[in-house]
Amino acid sequence: MSQTMIENEVAEERQSEPQSIEASSPEPAALTLSIDDFSALEERVVRAVELVKRERMGRAAAEERAARAESQLTEQGPIVDQMKQEIRTLRTERDQVRQRVERLLSQLDALEL
């Protein structure tokens, strides 16, 4: 092997070797920082999952209440219709009674003359 090839190989090995300890010391700090960032991200994800769970439970409860209200409305629909008919009947009867009372009062007024 020639001297130049050996020198090139040594240079390549030096480039592939890690830098000195001083140069690699920022890495642990960066690693610590990234671990803190990861922990913060993990905490955010956990909070987001909890929020989604709460919202899903709230939605399920709201859908259940809506279903119950709809079934009550379906059950009470005929009752409401019946009550409306009864109110119409009672109003008609009231008007008839009012007319009869007015006729009686007018007959009483005619007798007093």
N, C-alpha and C. Protein backbone atom coordinates (compact mmCIF):
# COMPACT_ATOMS: atom_id res chain seq x y z
N MET A 1 0.83 -1.17 0.00
CA MET A 1 0.00 0.00 0.00
C MET A 1 0.87 1.24 0.00
N SER A 2 0.37 2.24 -0.64
CA SER A 2 1.16 3.46 -0.70
C SER A 2 0.88 4.31 0.52
N GLN A 3 1.76 5.18 0.77
CA GLN A 3 1.65 6.06 1.93
C GLN A 3 0.41 6.94 1.82
N THR A 4 0.08 7.39 0.65
CA THR A 4 -1.07 8.26 0.42
C THR A 4 -2.36 7.53 0.74
N MET A 5 -2.49 6.27 0.38
CA MET A 5 -3.71 5.51 0.65
C MET A 5 -3.88 5.33 2.14
N ILE A 6 -2.78 5.06 2.83
CA ILE A 6 -2.84 4.89 4.28
C ILE A 6 -3.28 6.20 4.93
N GLU A 7 -2.72 7.29 4.47
CA GLU A 7 -3.09 8.59 5.03
C GLU A 7 -4.57 8.89 4.78
N ASN A 8 -5.08 8.54 3.61
CA ASN A 8 -6.50 8.76 3.30
C ASN A 8 -7.39 7.92 4.22
N GLU A 9 -6.99 6.67 4.44
CA GLU A 9 -7.78 5.80 5.32
C GLU A 9 -7.80 6.34 6.75
N VAL A 10 -6.66 6.80 7.23
CA VAL A 10 -6.58 7.36 8.57
C VAL A 10 -7.46 8.60 8.66
N ALA A 11 -7.44 9.42 7.66
CA ALA A 11 -8.25 10.64 7.65
C ALA A 11 -9.73 10.28 7.67
N GLU A 12 -10.12 9.26 6.91
CA GLU A 12 -11.51 8.83 6.90
C GLU A 12 -11.93 8.29 8.26
N GLU A 13 -11.05 7.52 8.90
CA GLU A 13 -11.37 6.98 10.22
C GLU A 13 -11.53 8.11 11.23
N ARG A 14 -10.69 9.11 11.13
CA ARG A 14 -10.79 10.24 12.05
C ARG A 14 -12.11 10.98 11.86
N GLN A 15 -12.53 11.10 10.64
CA GLN A 15 -13.80 11.78 10.37
C GLN A 15 -14.99 10.99 10.90
N SER A 16 -14.89 9.66 10.85
CA SER A 16 -15.99 8.85 11.32
C SER A 16 -16.00 8.67 12.83
N GLU A 17 -14.86 8.94 13.50
CA GLU A 17 -14.79 8.84 14.95
C GLU A 17 -15.54 10.00 15.57
N PRO A 18 -16.10 9.79 16.77
CA PRO A 18 -16.78 10.90 17.45
C PRO A 18 -15.77 11.99 17.80
N GLN A 19 -16.27 13.18 17.90
CA GLN A 19 -15.45 14.32 18.25
C GLN A 19 -14.95 14.16 19.67
N SER A 20 -14.17 15.07 20.12
CA SER A 20 -13.62 14.99 21.47
C SER A 20 -14.74 15.09 22.50
N ILE A 21 -14.42 14.81 23.75
CA ILE A 21 -15.41 14.82 24.82
C ILE A 21 -16.03 16.20 24.96
N GLU A 22 -15.24 17.24 24.78
CA GLU A 22 -15.76 18.60 24.91
C GLU A 22 -16.80 18.88 23.82
N ALA A 23 -16.56 18.38 22.64
CA ALA A 23 -17.49 18.63 21.55
C ALA A 23 -18.78 17.84 21.74
N SER A 24 -18.69 16.68 22.39
CA SER A 24 -19.89 15.86 22.57
C SER A 24 -20.65 16.22 23.84
N SER A 25 -20.12 17.08 24.67
CA SER A 25 -20.82 17.44 25.90
C SER A 25 -22.13 18.17 25.65
N PRO A 26 -22.31 18.96 24.60
CA PRO A 26 -23.62 19.56 24.37
C PRO A 26 -24.69 18.51 24.04
N GLU A 27 -24.31 17.38 23.54
CA GLU A 27 -25.29 16.36 23.20
C GLU A 27 -26.11 15.92 24.41
N PRO A 28 -25.50 15.61 25.58
CA PRO A 28 -26.34 15.22 26.71
C PRO A 28 -27.33 16.32 27.10
N ALA A 29 -26.89 17.57 27.02
CA ALA A 29 -27.81 18.67 27.32
C ALA A 29 -28.96 18.68 26.31
N ALA A 30 -28.62 18.48 25.05
CA ALA A 30 -29.64 18.43 24.02
C ALA A 30 -30.52 17.21 24.22
N LEU A 31 -29.91 16.11 24.65
CA LEU A 31 -30.66 14.90 24.92
C LEU A 31 -31.60 15.13 26.09
N THR A 32 -31.13 15.80 27.14
CA THR A 32 -31.97 16.11 28.29
C THR A 32 -33.12 17.02 27.87
N LEU A 33 -32.81 17.99 27.08
CA LEU A 33 -33.83 18.90 26.59
C LEU A 33 -34.86 18.14 25.77
N SER A 34 -34.41 17.25 24.93
CA SER A 34 -35.35 16.51 24.11
C SER A 34 -36.18 15.55 24.96
N ILE A 35 -35.61 15.03 26.04
CA ILE A 35 -36.38 14.18 26.95
C ILE A 35 -37.45 15.02 27.64
N ASP A 36 -37.09 16.23 28.06
CA ASP A 36 -38.09 17.13 28.65
C ASP A 36 -39.18 17.47 27.65
N ASP A 37 -38.76 17.74 26.41
CA ASP A 37 -39.75 18.03 25.37
C ASP A 37 -40.66 16.83 25.16
N PHE A 38 -40.07 15.65 25.14
CA PHE A 38 -40.85 14.44 24.95
C PHE A 38 -41.82 14.25 26.11
N SER A 39 -41.37 14.52 27.33
CA SER A 39 -42.25 14.39 28.49
C SER A 39 -43.41 15.38 28.41
N ALA A 40 -43.10 16.59 28.00
CA ALA A 40 -44.16 17.60 27.85
C ALA A 40 -45.15 17.18 26.76
N LEU A 41 -44.62 16.65 25.67
CA LEU A 41 -45.49 16.17 24.59
C LEU A 41 -46.35 15.01 25.08
N GLU A 42 -45.74 14.10 25.83
CA GLU A 42 -46.48 12.97 26.37
C GLU A 42 -47.61 13.45 27.28
N GLU A 43 -47.31 14.45 28.11
CA GLU A 43 -48.32 15.00 29.00
C GLU A 43 -49.47 15.63 28.21
N ARG A 44 -49.14 16.34 27.15
CA ARG A 44 -50.18 16.94 26.31
C ARG A 44 -51.05 15.87 25.66
N VAL A 45 -50.41 14.82 25.20
CA VAL A 45 -51.17 13.74 24.56
C VAL A 45 -52.11 13.09 25.57
N VAL A 46 -51.63 12.86 26.79
CA VAL A 46 -52.46 12.27 27.83
C VAL A 46 -53.64 13.18 28.13
N ARG A 47 -53.40 14.48 28.24
CA ARG A 47 -54.50 15.42 28.50
C ARG A 47 -55.48 15.44 27.34
N ALA A 48 -54.97 15.38 26.12
CA ALA A 48 -55.85 15.36 24.95
C ALA A 48 -56.71 14.11 24.93
N VAL A 49 -56.11 12.97 25.26
CA VAL A 49 -56.88 11.72 25.31
C VAL A 49 -57.96 11.80 26.38
N GLU A 50 -57.63 12.34 27.54
CA GLU A 50 -58.62 12.48 28.60
C GLU A 50 -59.75 13.42 28.17
N LEU A 51 -59.39 14.50 27.49
CA LEU A 51 -60.40 15.44 27.01
C LEU A 51 -61.32 14.76 26.00
N VAL A 52 -60.76 14.00 25.09
CA VAL A 52 -61.58 13.29 24.10
C VAL A 52 -62.50 12.29 24.79
N LYS A 53 -61.99 11.59 25.79
CA LYS A 53 -62.82 10.63 26.52
C LYS A 53 -64.00 11.34 27.19
N ARG A 54 -63.71 12.48 27.86
CA ARG A 54 -64.78 13.23 28.52
C ARG A 54 -65.81 13.72 27.51
N GLU A 55 -65.34 14.22 26.39
CA GLU A 55 -66.26 14.73 25.38
C GLU A 55 -67.10 13.60 24.79
N ARG A 56 -66.50 12.44 24.59
CA ARG A 56 -67.27 11.31 24.07
C ARG A 56 -68.33 10.87 25.08
N MET A 57 -67.97 10.85 26.36
CA MET A 57 -68.95 10.48 27.38
C MET A 57 -70.07 11.51 27.43
N GLY A 58 -69.71 12.78 27.32
CA GLY A 58 -70.73 13.84 27.30
C GLY A 58 -71.64 13.72 26.09
N ARG A 59 -71.05 13.40 24.96
CA ARG A 59 -71.85 13.24 23.74
C ARG A 59 -72.78 12.04 23.87
N ALA A 60 -72.26 10.95 24.43
CA ALA A 60 -73.10 9.76 24.61
C ALA A 60 -74.27 10.07 25.55
N ALA A 61 -73.98 10.80 26.62
CA ALA A 61 -75.05 11.17 27.57
C ALA A 61 -76.07 12.07 26.88
N ALA A 62 -75.62 13.01 26.08
CA ALA A 62 -76.53 13.92 25.37
C ALA A 62 -77.38 13.15 24.36
N GLU A 63 -76.77 12.20 23.66
CA GLU A 63 -77.53 11.40 22.71
C GLU A 63 -78.57 10.54 23.42
N GLU A 64 -78.22 10.04 24.60
CA GLU A 64 -79.16 9.25 25.38
C GLU A 64 -80.35 10.11 25.83
N ARG A 65 -80.04 11.32 26.32
CA ARG A 65 -81.12 12.23 26.73
C ARG A 65 -82.01 12.59 25.55
N ALA A 66 -81.40 12.82 24.39
CA ALA A 66 -82.18 13.16 23.20
C ALA A 66 -83.07 12.00 22.79
N ALA A 67 -82.55 10.79 22.88
CA ALA A 67 -83.36 9.62 22.53
C ALA A 67 -84.54 9.46 23.49
N ARG A 68 -84.29 9.68 24.79
CA ARG A 68 -85.38 9.60 25.77
C ARG A 68 -86.43 10.68 25.51
N ALA A 69 -85.97 11.89 25.22
CA ALA A 69 -86.91 12.98 24.96
C ALA A 69 -87.73 12.69 23.70
N GLU A 70 -87.09 12.13 22.70
CA GLU A 70 -87.81 11.80 21.47
C GLU A 70 -88.85 10.71 21.73
N SER A 71 -88.49 9.72 22.52
CA SER A 71 -89.47 8.66 22.82
C SER A 71 -90.64 9.21 23.64
N GLN A 72 -90.35 10.12 24.56
CA GLN A 72 -91.42 10.75 25.34
C GLN A 72 -92.33 11.57 24.43
N LEU A 73 -91.73 12.26 23.50
CA LEU A 73 -92.52 13.06 22.55
C LEU A 73 -93.41 12.16 21.72
N THR A 74 -92.86 11.04 21.30
CA THR A 74 -93.65 10.09 20.51
C THR A 74 -94.81 9.52 21.33
N GLU A 75 -94.53 9.23 22.60
CA GLU A 75 -95.57 8.69 23.47
C GLU A 75 -96.64 9.73 23.77
N GLN A 76 -96.24 10.98 23.96
CA GLN A 76 -97.18 12.02 24.37
C GLN A 76 -97.87 12.71 23.20
N GLY A 77 -97.45 12.42 21.99
CA GLY A 77 -98.08 13.03 20.81
C GLY A 77 -99.57 12.79 20.75
N PRO A 78 -100.01 11.54 20.87
CA PRO A 78 -101.47 11.29 20.84
C PRO A 78 -102.20 11.96 22.00
N ILE A 79 -101.57 12.02 23.15
CA ILE A 79 -102.20 12.67 24.31
C ILE A 79 -102.40 14.15 24.03
N VAL A 80 -101.40 14.78 23.41
CA VAL A 80 -101.49 16.20 23.08
C VAL A 80 -102.62 16.42 22.08
N ASP A 81 -102.69 15.56 21.08
CA ASP A 81 -103.78 15.70 20.10
C ASP A 81 -105.14 15.56 20.76
N GLN A 82 -105.25 14.61 21.67
CA GLN A 82 -106.51 14.40 22.39
C GLN A 82 -106.87 15.64 23.21
N MET A 83 -105.87 16.22 23.87
CA MET A 83 -106.12 17.42 24.69
C MET A 83 -106.52 18.61 23.82
N LYS A 84 -105.92 18.72 22.66
CA LYS A 84 -106.31 19.80 21.75
C LYS A 84 -107.77 19.67 21.34
N GLN A 85 -108.16 18.45 21.04
CA GLN A 85 -109.55 18.21 20.66
C GLN A 85 -110.48 18.52 21.82
N GLU A 86 -110.07 18.13 23.01
CA GLU A 86 -110.89 18.40 24.21
C GLU A 86 -111.02 19.89 24.44
N ILE A 87 -109.95 20.65 24.24
CA ILE A 87 -110.00 22.11 24.41
C ILE A 87 -110.96 22.72 23.40
N ARG A 88 -110.90 22.26 22.15
CA ARG A 88 -111.84 22.77 21.14
C ARG A 88 -113.30 22.48 21.54
N THR A 89 -113.52 21.28 22.04
CA THR A 89 -114.87 20.91 22.47
C THR A 89 -115.32 21.78 23.63
N LEU A 90 -114.46 21.98 24.61
CA LEU A 90 -114.82 22.81 25.78
C LEU A 90 -115.06 24.25 25.38
N ARG A 91 -114.30 24.77 24.45
CA ARG A 91 -114.53 26.15 23.99
C ARG A 91 -115.87 26.27 23.29
N THR A 92 -116.18 25.26 22.49
CA THR A 92 -117.48 25.27 21.80
C THR A 92 -118.61 25.24 22.81
N GLU A 93 -118.47 24.37 23.82
CA GLU A 93 -119.51 24.29 24.87
C GLU A 93 -119.61 25.60 25.64
N ARG A 94 -118.45 26.21 25.93
CA ARG A 94 -118.47 27.50 26.65
C ARG A 94 -119.21 28.56 25.85
N ASP A 95 -118.96 28.60 24.54
CA ASP A 95 -119.65 29.59 23.70
C ASP A 95 -121.16 29.33 23.69
N GLN A 96 -121.54 28.07 23.65
CA GLN A 96 -122.97 27.73 23.67
C GLN A 96 -123.59 28.14 25.00
N VAL A 97 -122.90 27.88 26.11
CA VAL A 97 -123.41 28.26 27.43
C VAL A 97 -123.50 29.78 27.53
N ARG A 98 -122.51 30.49 27.01
CA ARG A 98 -122.52 31.95 27.05
C ARG A 98 -123.73 32.48 26.28
N GLN A 99 -123.99 31.91 25.12
CA GLN A 99 -125.15 32.35 24.33
C GLN A 99 -126.46 32.08 25.08
N ARG A 100 -126.58 30.93 25.71
CA ARG A 100 -127.80 30.62 26.46
C ARG A 100 -127.98 31.57 27.63
N VAL A 101 -126.87 31.89 28.35
CA VAL A 101 -126.94 32.82 29.48
C VAL A 101 -127.34 34.20 28.98
N GLU A 102 -126.79 34.63 27.87
CA GLU A 102 -127.15 35.94 27.32
C GLU A 102 -128.63 35.98 26.94
N ARG A 103 -129.13 34.87 26.38
CA ARG A 103 -130.56 34.82 26.05
C ARG A 103 -131.42 34.89 27.31
N LEU A 104 -131.00 34.17 28.34
CA LEU A 104 -131.76 34.21 29.60
C LEU A 104 -131.74 35.61 30.21
N LEU A 105 -130.58 36.25 30.19
CA LEU A 105 -130.47 37.61 30.73
C LEU A 105 -131.33 38.59 29.93
N SER A 106 -131.33 38.42 28.63
CA SER A 106 -132.17 39.33 27.83
C SER A 106 -133.65 39.08 28.10
N GLN A 107 -134.05 37.82 28.37
CA GLN A 107 -135.45 37.54 28.72
C GLN A 107 -135.79 38.13 30.07
N LEU A 108 -134.84 38.07 31.04
CA LEU A 108 -135.05 38.69 32.36
C LEU A 108 -135.18 40.21 32.23
N ASP A 109 -134.35 40.80 31.40
CA ASP A 109 -134.43 42.25 31.20
C ASP A 109 -135.79 42.62 30.57
N ALA A 110 -136.33 41.79 29.71
CA ALA A 110 -137.60 42.04 29.06
C ALA A 110 -138.73 41.96 30.09
N LEU A 111 -138.61 41.11 31.09
CA LEU A 111 -139.66 40.97 32.11
C LEU A 111 -139.68 42.17 33.05
N GLU A 112 -138.60 42.77 33.28
CA GLU A 112 -138.50 43.90 34.22
C GLU A 112 -139.07 45.18 33.65
N LEU A 113 -139.29 45.26 32.39
CA LEU A 113 -139.77 46.48 31.80
C LEU A 113 -141.17 46.70 32.17
